[in-house]
Each structure stands twice: as structure tokens, then as C-alpha cells.
Amino acid sequence: MADQRQAVARPLSPHLQIYRFTITMAMSIIHRITGVGLYAGSALLAWWLIAAATGPEAYATFQAAAGHWFGQLVLIGYTWALLHHLFGGIRYLLWDEIVATSPKSADIISWLATVAGILGTVLVWAVVFSMRGVI
């Protein structure tokens, strides 16, 4: 019986060292990360609404936190996560409709979604800062 249990060379499953890192892989990972980040951002949105409904003191506290440079950075990050997740979702919607499924077209719409998220964030915050008189 012991002779039958000799070690058999079994193939190993491919892992990260086998695969070439691609834009579609990065987009999939970032889509999941931004989805989690949107939960935290939704808590900020709830804080803003609750502060606005509570009264001037609570709203002033929120404004002080949101107006700080770190608060601004968090809000810009939330905007990017929201837009990146939106355009990534549109990319998945296109794939569900069997559009742009070849490797080249998948890379193209992945890059388009990435650029659209970044440009959208810049555009939104350019408008915000121009309305504040900063730009």
C-alpha cells in the first residue's frame, strides 16, 4: 500500500507571478476599493445632512472639518471614487451587453474610464473652487 502513495507531481494553479498585470486587472481592483470607499463617503454625506438639519452650530462644525485642507482632500478623494466607480460601472455595463469584449477594446474602455474619472474630478472641483472665488 505504501508503494501506491508515491508523490505525484501535480500542476500548481497560476498566480500573480504568472499573469501580466493589465489595465483591466487594475480597474477591477480599484473598482472594488472605490466601492468600499463610497461607504465611508456616504457617512460623510450623512454627517453633512444631519448637521444641516440639526442647526447652525452643528453645521459650523461640519463646515470647519470640510473646509480644512485634509477635509478638502477627503472630499476630492470621495468625488474621484464616486466618478471612477460610476465610469467603471458603465464599463461593466458595456461588457454585459457584449460590447468591447476583445482584449484591445477592453483596454481602451478601461483607459477611457480611468481618464474620465480623473478629468471629471478635476472639472467638478474646478467649478467648486471657481464658485468660491479661489480660482
N, C-alpha and C. Protein backbone atom coordinates (compact mmCIF):
# COMPACT_ATOMS: atom_id res chain seq x y z
N MET A 1 0.80 -1.20 0.00
CA MET A 1 0.00 0.00 0.00
C MET A 1 0.84 1.26 0.00
N ALA A 2 1.94 1.24 0.71
CA ALA A 2 2.78 2.42 0.79
C ALA A 2 3.39 2.76 -0.56
N ASP A 3 3.59 1.75 -1.41
CA ASP A 3 4.17 2.00 -2.73
C ASP A 3 3.21 2.76 -3.64
N GLN A 4 1.91 2.62 -3.43
CA GLN A 4 0.92 3.28 -4.27
C GLN A 4 0.79 4.77 -3.93
N ARG A 5 1.25 5.19 -2.79
CA ARG A 5 1.08 6.57 -2.34
C ARG A 5 2.31 7.42 -2.63
N GLN A 6 2.98 7.14 -3.71
CA GLN A 6 4.15 7.94 -4.06
C GLN A 6 3.70 9.34 -4.46
N ALA A 7 4.60 10.29 -4.29
CA ALA A 7 4.29 11.69 -4.60
C ALA A 7 4.05 11.84 -6.10
N VAL A 8 2.94 12.43 -6.44
CA VAL A 8 2.58 12.70 -7.82
C VAL A 8 2.79 14.18 -8.07
N ALA A 9 3.51 14.51 -9.13
CA ALA A 9 3.75 15.92 -9.45
C ALA A 9 2.45 16.51 -10.00
N ARG A 10 1.84 17.37 -9.21
CA ARG A 10 0.59 17.99 -9.63
C ARG A 10 0.87 19.41 -10.10
N PRO A 11 0.11 19.86 -11.08
CA PRO A 11 0.33 21.23 -11.55
C PRO A 11 -0.14 22.24 -10.50
N LEU A 12 0.57 23.33 -10.41
CA LEU A 12 0.20 24.40 -9.50
C LEU A 12 -0.73 25.36 -10.21
N SER A 13 -1.64 25.95 -9.47
CA SER A 13 -2.53 26.94 -10.05
C SER A 13 -1.73 28.19 -10.39
N PRO A 14 -2.04 28.83 -11.51
CA PRO A 14 -1.34 30.08 -11.84
C PRO A 14 -1.68 31.14 -10.80
N HIS A 15 -0.71 31.96 -10.53
CA HIS A 15 -0.92 33.01 -9.54
C HIS A 15 -0.36 34.32 -10.11
N LEU A 16 -0.21 35.31 -9.27
CA LEU A 16 0.18 36.64 -9.73
C LEU A 16 1.52 36.66 -10.46
N GLN A 17 2.44 35.78 -10.11
CA GLN A 17 3.74 35.81 -10.79
C GLN A 17 3.64 35.26 -12.22
N ILE A 18 2.53 34.61 -12.56
CA ILE A 18 2.34 34.06 -13.90
C ILE A 18 1.70 35.10 -14.82
N TYR A 19 0.71 35.81 -14.30
CA TYR A 19 -0.07 36.74 -15.11
C TYR A 19 0.65 38.07 -15.27
N ARG A 20 0.44 38.68 -16.43
CA ARG A 20 0.94 40.02 -16.69
C ARG A 20 -0.12 41.00 -16.16
N PHE A 21 0.32 41.99 -15.39
CA PHE A 21 -0.60 42.97 -14.81
C PHE A 21 -1.13 43.86 -15.93
N THR A 22 -2.45 43.96 -16.06
CA THR A 22 -3.07 44.73 -17.13
C THR A 22 -3.96 45.83 -16.56
N ILE A 23 -4.38 46.73 -17.42
CA ILE A 23 -5.25 47.83 -17.00
C ILE A 23 -6.60 47.30 -16.55
N THR A 24 -7.10 46.24 -17.18
CA THR A 24 -8.38 45.69 -16.77
C THR A 24 -8.30 45.07 -15.37
N MET A 25 -7.16 44.47 -15.04
CA MET A 25 -6.97 43.96 -13.69
C MET A 25 -6.95 45.11 -12.68
N ALA A 26 -6.22 46.16 -13.01
CA ALA A 26 -6.13 47.32 -12.11
C ALA A 26 -7.51 47.95 -11.92
N MET A 27 -8.26 48.08 -13.00
CA MET A 27 -9.60 48.67 -12.91
C MET A 27 -10.52 47.82 -12.04
N SER A 28 -10.42 46.52 -12.15
CA SER A 28 -11.25 45.64 -11.33
C SER A 28 -10.92 45.81 -9.85
N ILE A 29 -9.65 45.87 -9.54
CA ILE A 29 -9.22 46.04 -8.15
C ILE A 29 -9.65 47.41 -7.62
N ILE A 30 -9.40 48.46 -8.40
CA ILE A 30 -9.74 49.81 -7.97
C ILE A 30 -11.25 49.98 -7.86
N HIS A 31 -12.02 49.31 -8.74
CA HIS A 31 -13.48 49.38 -8.67
C HIS A 31 -13.98 48.85 -7.33
N ARG A 32 -13.39 47.78 -6.87
CA ARG A 32 -13.78 47.22 -5.57
C ARG A 32 -13.36 48.14 -4.43
N ILE A 33 -12.16 48.69 -4.51
CA ILE A 33 -11.67 49.59 -3.46
C ILE A 33 -12.53 50.85 -3.39
N THR A 34 -12.85 51.44 -4.54
CA THR A 34 -13.67 52.64 -4.52
C THR A 34 -15.09 52.34 -4.04
N GLY A 35 -15.59 51.14 -4.31
CA GLY A 35 -16.90 50.76 -3.79
C GLY A 35 -16.92 50.76 -2.28
N VAL A 36 -15.85 50.25 -1.67
CA VAL A 36 -15.74 50.26 -0.21
C VAL A 36 -15.58 51.69 0.29
N GLY A 37 -14.77 52.49 -0.42
CA GLY A 37 -14.57 53.88 -0.03
C GLY A 37 -15.85 54.70 -0.09
N LEU A 38 -16.75 54.33 -0.98
CA LEU A 38 -18.01 55.07 -1.08
C LEU A 38 -18.88 54.87 0.16
N TYR A 39 -18.71 53.75 0.86
CA TYR A 39 -19.43 53.57 2.11
C TYR A 39 -18.99 54.63 3.13
N ALA A 40 -17.69 54.84 3.25
CA ALA A 40 -17.18 55.84 4.18
C ALA A 40 -17.61 57.24 3.74
N GLY A 41 -17.58 57.49 2.44
CA GLY A 41 -18.02 58.78 1.93
C GLY A 41 -19.49 59.03 2.17
N SER A 42 -20.27 57.97 2.14
CA SER A 42 -21.70 58.12 2.42
C SER A 42 -21.93 58.52 3.87
N ALA A 43 -21.05 58.08 4.76
CA ALA A 43 -21.14 58.52 6.16
C ALA A 43 -20.88 60.02 6.25
N LEU A 44 -19.94 60.52 5.45
CA LEU A 44 -19.70 61.98 5.41
C LEU A 44 -20.91 62.72 4.88
N LEU A 45 -21.53 62.17 3.86
CA LEU A 45 -22.75 62.79 3.31
C LEU A 45 -23.86 62.81 4.36
N ALA A 46 -23.99 61.72 5.11
CA ALA A 46 -24.99 61.68 6.18
C ALA A 46 -24.67 62.71 7.26
N TRP A 47 -23.38 62.85 7.59
CA TRP A 47 -22.98 63.85 8.59
C TRP A 47 -23.37 65.25 8.12
N TRP A 48 -23.13 65.54 6.84
CA TRP A 48 -23.49 66.84 6.29
C TRP A 48 -24.99 67.09 6.39
N LEU A 49 -25.80 66.11 6.01
CA LEU A 49 -27.25 66.28 6.06
C LEU A 49 -27.77 66.40 7.49
N ILE A 50 -27.22 65.60 8.39
CA ILE A 50 -27.65 65.67 9.79
C ILE A 50 -27.24 67.01 10.40
N ALA A 51 -26.03 67.47 10.07
CA ALA A 51 -25.57 68.76 10.59
C ALA A 51 -26.43 69.89 10.06
N ALA A 52 -26.82 69.82 8.79
CA ALA A 52 -27.67 70.86 8.21
C ALA A 52 -29.05 70.86 8.87
N ALA A 53 -29.55 69.69 9.22
CA ALA A 53 -30.87 69.61 9.84
C ALA A 53 -30.85 69.93 11.33
N THR A 54 -29.69 69.77 11.97
CA THR A 54 -29.60 69.96 13.42
C THR A 54 -29.57 71.43 13.80
N GLY A 55 -28.79 72.21 13.09
CA GLY A 55 -28.73 73.63 13.43
C GLY A 55 -27.42 74.26 13.05
N PRO A 56 -27.30 75.58 13.29
CA PRO A 56 -26.12 76.32 12.86
C PRO A 56 -24.82 75.87 13.52
N GLU A 57 -24.88 75.47 14.78
CA GLU A 57 -23.65 75.06 15.47
C GLU A 57 -23.11 73.76 14.88
N ALA A 58 -23.99 72.80 14.67
CA ALA A 58 -23.58 71.51 14.11
C ALA A 58 -23.07 71.70 12.68
N TYR A 59 -23.75 72.56 11.93
CA TYR A 59 -23.33 72.79 10.54
C TYR A 59 -21.99 73.52 10.50
N ALA A 60 -21.75 74.43 11.45
CA ALA A 60 -20.47 75.12 11.51
C ALA A 60 -19.34 74.14 11.83
N THR A 61 -19.62 73.15 12.66
CA THR A 61 -18.63 72.13 12.96
C THR A 61 -18.28 71.33 11.70
N PHE A 62 -19.31 70.95 10.96
CA PHE A 62 -19.06 70.22 9.71
C PHE A 62 -18.28 71.10 8.73
N GLN A 63 -18.68 72.35 8.60
CA GLN A 63 -18.00 73.27 7.67
C GLN A 63 -16.54 73.44 8.04
N ALA A 64 -16.25 73.49 9.33
CA ALA A 64 -14.86 73.63 9.78
C ALA A 64 -14.05 72.40 9.38
N ALA A 65 -14.64 71.21 9.53
CA ALA A 65 -13.93 69.98 9.16
C ALA A 65 -13.79 69.87 7.65
N ALA A 66 -14.84 70.19 6.92
CA ALA A 66 -14.81 70.08 5.46
C ALA A 66 -13.96 71.18 4.83
N GLY A 67 -13.84 72.31 5.49
CA GLY A 67 -13.06 73.41 4.96
C GLY A 67 -11.56 73.30 5.22
N HIS A 68 -11.18 72.43 6.13
CA HIS A 68 -9.76 72.20 6.42
C HIS A 68 -9.11 71.55 5.21
N TRP A 69 -7.78 71.70 5.05
CA TRP A 69 -7.12 71.14 3.87
C TRP A 69 -7.28 69.62 3.80
N PHE A 70 -7.27 68.95 4.97
CA PHE A 70 -7.44 67.50 4.97
C PHE A 70 -8.88 67.13 4.59
N GLY A 71 -9.83 67.92 5.08
CA GLY A 71 -11.23 67.71 4.70
C GLY A 71 -11.44 67.89 3.21
N GLN A 72 -10.78 68.89 2.64
CA GLN A 72 -10.87 69.11 1.19
C GLN A 72 -10.28 67.92 0.42
N LEU A 73 -9.16 67.41 0.93
CA LEU A 73 -8.53 66.26 0.30
C LEU A 73 -9.45 65.04 0.34
N VAL A 74 -10.12 64.83 1.47
CA VAL A 74 -11.06 63.71 1.60
C VAL A 74 -12.23 63.90 0.64
N LEU A 75 -12.75 65.11 0.53
CA LEU A 75 -13.87 65.36 -0.38
C LEU A 75 -13.47 65.18 -1.84
N ILE A 76 -12.27 65.59 -2.19
CA ILE A 76 -11.79 65.38 -3.56
C ILE A 76 -11.62 63.88 -3.81
N GLY A 77 -11.09 63.16 -2.84
CA GLY A 77 -10.96 61.70 -2.97
C GLY A 77 -12.30 61.02 -3.10
N TYR A 78 -13.30 61.50 -2.35
CA TYR A 78 -14.64 60.94 -2.44
C TYR A 78 -15.23 61.20 -3.83
N THR A 79 -15.01 62.39 -4.35
CA THR A 79 -15.51 62.72 -5.68
C THR A 79 -14.87 61.81 -6.73
N TRP A 80 -13.55 61.63 -6.62
CA TRP A 80 -12.86 60.74 -7.57
C TRP A 80 -13.38 59.31 -7.46
N ALA A 81 -13.55 58.82 -6.22
CA ALA A 81 -14.05 57.45 -6.04
C ALA A 81 -15.44 57.29 -6.64
N LEU A 82 -16.28 58.29 -6.44
CA LEU A 82 -17.64 58.25 -6.98
C LEU A 82 -17.62 58.21 -8.51
N LEU A 83 -16.85 59.10 -9.12
CA LEU A 83 -16.81 59.16 -10.58
C LEU A 83 -16.09 57.95 -11.18
N HIS A 84 -15.01 57.52 -10.53
CA HIS A 84 -14.29 56.34 -11.02
C HIS A 84 -15.19 55.10 -10.96
N HIS A 85 -15.92 54.97 -9.87
CA HIS A 85 -16.82 53.84 -9.72
C HIS A 85 -17.96 53.92 -10.74
N LEU A 86 -18.45 55.12 -11.00
CA LEU A 86 -19.50 55.32 -12.00
C LEU A 86 -19.03 54.88 -13.38
N PHE A 87 -17.89 55.38 -13.81
CA PHE A 87 -17.40 55.05 -15.15
C PHE A 87 -16.96 53.59 -15.24
N GLY A 88 -16.46 53.04 -14.13
CA GLY A 88 -16.14 51.61 -14.10
C GLY A 88 -17.41 50.77 -14.23
N GLY A 89 -18.47 51.21 -13.60
CA GLY A 89 -19.76 50.52 -13.71
C GLY A 89 -20.31 50.58 -15.12
N ILE A 90 -20.13 51.71 -15.79
CA ILE A 90 -20.55 51.82 -17.19
C ILE A 90 -19.74 50.85 -18.05
N ARG A 91 -18.46 50.71 -17.74
CA ARG A 91 -17.60 49.77 -18.46
C ARG A 91 -18.13 48.35 -18.29
N TYR A 92 -18.50 47.97 -17.07
CA TYR A 92 -19.07 46.64 -16.84
C TYR A 92 -20.42 46.49 -17.55
N LEU A 93 -21.20 47.55 -17.59
CA LEU A 93 -22.48 47.51 -18.30
C LEU A 93 -22.26 47.24 -19.79
N LEU A 94 -21.26 47.88 -20.36
CA LEU A 94 -20.94 47.62 -21.77
C LEU A 94 -20.54 46.16 -21.98
N TRP A 95 -19.78 45.61 -21.08
CA TRP A 95 -19.39 44.21 -21.20
C TRP A 95 -20.59 43.29 -21.03
N ASP A 96 -21.54 43.65 -20.17
CA ASP A 96 -22.74 42.84 -20.02
C ASP A 96 -23.57 42.81 -21.30
N GLU A 97 -23.47 43.88 -22.06
CA GLU A 97 -24.20 43.97 -23.33
C GLU A 97 -23.36 43.45 -24.49
N ILE A 98 -22.28 42.77 -24.20
CA ILE A 98 -21.38 42.15 -25.18
C ILE A 98 -20.82 43.21 -26.14
N VAL A 99 -20.39 44.31 -25.58
CA VAL A 99 -19.75 45.38 -26.35
C VAL A 99 -18.33 45.51 -25.81
N ALA A 100 -17.38 45.70 -26.67
CA ALA A 100 -15.98 45.94 -26.30
C ALA A 100 -15.41 44.79 -25.47
N THR A 101 -15.58 43.58 -25.93
CA THR A 101 -15.09 42.43 -25.19
C THR A 101 -13.75 41.90 -25.69
N SER A 102 -13.27 42.40 -26.82
CA SER A 102 -11.95 41.97 -27.27
C SER A 102 -10.90 42.57 -26.34
N PRO A 103 -9.74 41.94 -26.21
CA PRO A 103 -8.73 42.48 -25.29
C PRO A 103 -8.34 43.93 -25.59
N LYS A 104 -8.22 44.28 -26.86
CA LYS A 104 -7.83 45.65 -27.20
C LYS A 104 -8.92 46.65 -26.84
N SER A 105 -10.18 46.35 -27.18
CA SER A 105 -11.26 47.28 -26.85
C SER A 105 -11.51 47.33 -25.34
N ALA A 106 -11.29 46.22 -24.65
CA ALA A 106 -11.43 46.24 -23.19
C ALA A 106 -10.39 47.16 -22.57
N ASP A 107 -9.17 47.13 -23.09
CA ASP A 107 -8.13 48.04 -22.61
C ASP A 107 -8.49 49.49 -22.90
N ILE A 108 -9.03 49.74 -24.08
CA ILE A 108 -9.38 51.11 -24.46
C ILE A 108 -10.46 51.67 -23.54
N ILE A 109 -11.54 50.92 -23.31
CA ILE A 109 -12.59 51.48 -22.45
C ILE A 109 -12.14 51.53 -20.99
N SER A 110 -11.20 50.69 -20.61
CA SER A 110 -10.65 50.79 -19.25
C SER A 110 -9.87 52.09 -19.09
N TRP A 111 -9.05 52.41 -20.08
CA TRP A 111 -8.31 53.69 -20.04
C TRP A 111 -9.26 54.87 -20.12
N LEU A 112 -10.31 54.75 -20.95
CA LEU A 112 -11.29 55.84 -21.04
C LEU A 112 -11.99 56.07 -19.70
N ALA A 113 -12.34 54.99 -19.02
CA ALA A 113 -13.00 55.12 -17.71
C ALA A 113 -12.05 55.75 -16.69
N THR A 114 -10.78 55.38 -16.74
CA THR A 114 -9.79 55.95 -15.83
C THR A 114 -9.63 57.45 -16.06
N VAL A 115 -9.45 57.81 -17.31
CA VAL A 115 -9.27 59.23 -17.66
C VAL A 115 -10.53 60.02 -17.36
N ALA A 116 -11.70 59.45 -17.65
CA ALA A 116 -12.96 60.15 -17.39
C ALA A 116 -13.14 60.41 -15.90
N GLY A 117 -12.76 59.46 -15.06
CA GLY A 117 -12.86 59.67 -13.61
C GLY A 117 -11.96 60.79 -13.12
N ILE A 118 -10.75 60.83 -13.65
CA ILE A 118 -9.80 61.87 -13.24
C ILE A 118 -10.23 63.23 -13.78
N LEU A 119 -10.56 63.30 -15.06
CA LEU A 119 -10.99 64.57 -15.65
C LEU A 119 -12.29 65.07 -15.04
N GLY A 120 -13.20 64.15 -14.75
CA GLY A 120 -14.46 64.54 -14.11
C GLY A 120 -14.22 65.14 -12.74
N THR A 121 -13.31 64.56 -11.98
CA THR A 121 -12.97 65.08 -10.66
C THR A 121 -12.36 66.47 -10.76
N VAL A 122 -11.43 66.63 -11.70
CA VAL A 122 -10.81 67.94 -11.90
C VAL A 122 -11.86 68.97 -12.30
N LEU A 123 -12.77 68.59 -13.18
CA LEU A 123 -13.81 69.52 -13.63
C LEU A 123 -14.73 69.92 -12.49
N VAL A 124 -15.19 68.94 -11.72
CA VAL A 124 -16.09 69.24 -10.59
C VAL A 124 -15.43 70.19 -9.61
N TRP A 125 -14.16 69.91 -9.24
CA TRP A 125 -13.51 70.75 -8.25
C TRP A 125 -13.04 72.08 -8.82
N ALA A 126 -12.83 72.16 -10.12
CA ALA A 126 -12.54 73.46 -10.73
C ALA A 126 -13.77 74.35 -10.63
N VAL A 127 -14.94 73.77 -10.84
CA VAL A 127 -16.18 74.54 -10.71
C VAL A 127 -16.40 74.95 -9.26
N VAL A 128 -16.17 74.03 -8.32
CA VAL A 128 -16.35 74.34 -6.90
C VAL A 128 -15.42 75.48 -6.48
N PHE A 129 -14.14 75.36 -6.84
CA PHE A 129 -13.18 76.40 -6.44
C PHE A 129 -13.45 77.72 -7.15
N SER A 130 -13.92 77.67 -8.39
CA SER A 130 -14.24 78.93 -9.08
C SER A 130 -15.46 79.60 -8.46
N MET A 131 -16.41 78.81 -8.00
CA MET A 131 -17.60 79.39 -7.35
C MET A 131 -17.23 80.00 -5.99
N ARG A 132 -16.20 79.47 -5.36
CA ARG A 132 -15.72 80.01 -4.09
C ARG A 132 -14.82 81.22 -4.29
N GLY A 133 -14.39 81.45 -5.51
CA GLY A 133 -13.50 82.55 -5.78
C GLY A 133 -12.04 82.22 -5.57
N VAL A 134 -11.71 80.93 -5.45
CA VAL A 134 -10.33 80.52 -5.25
C VAL A 134 -9.56 80.56 -6.56
N ILE A 135 -10.21 80.20 -7.64
CA ILE A 135 -9.54 80.20 -8.95
C ILE A 135 -9.83 81.50 -9.67
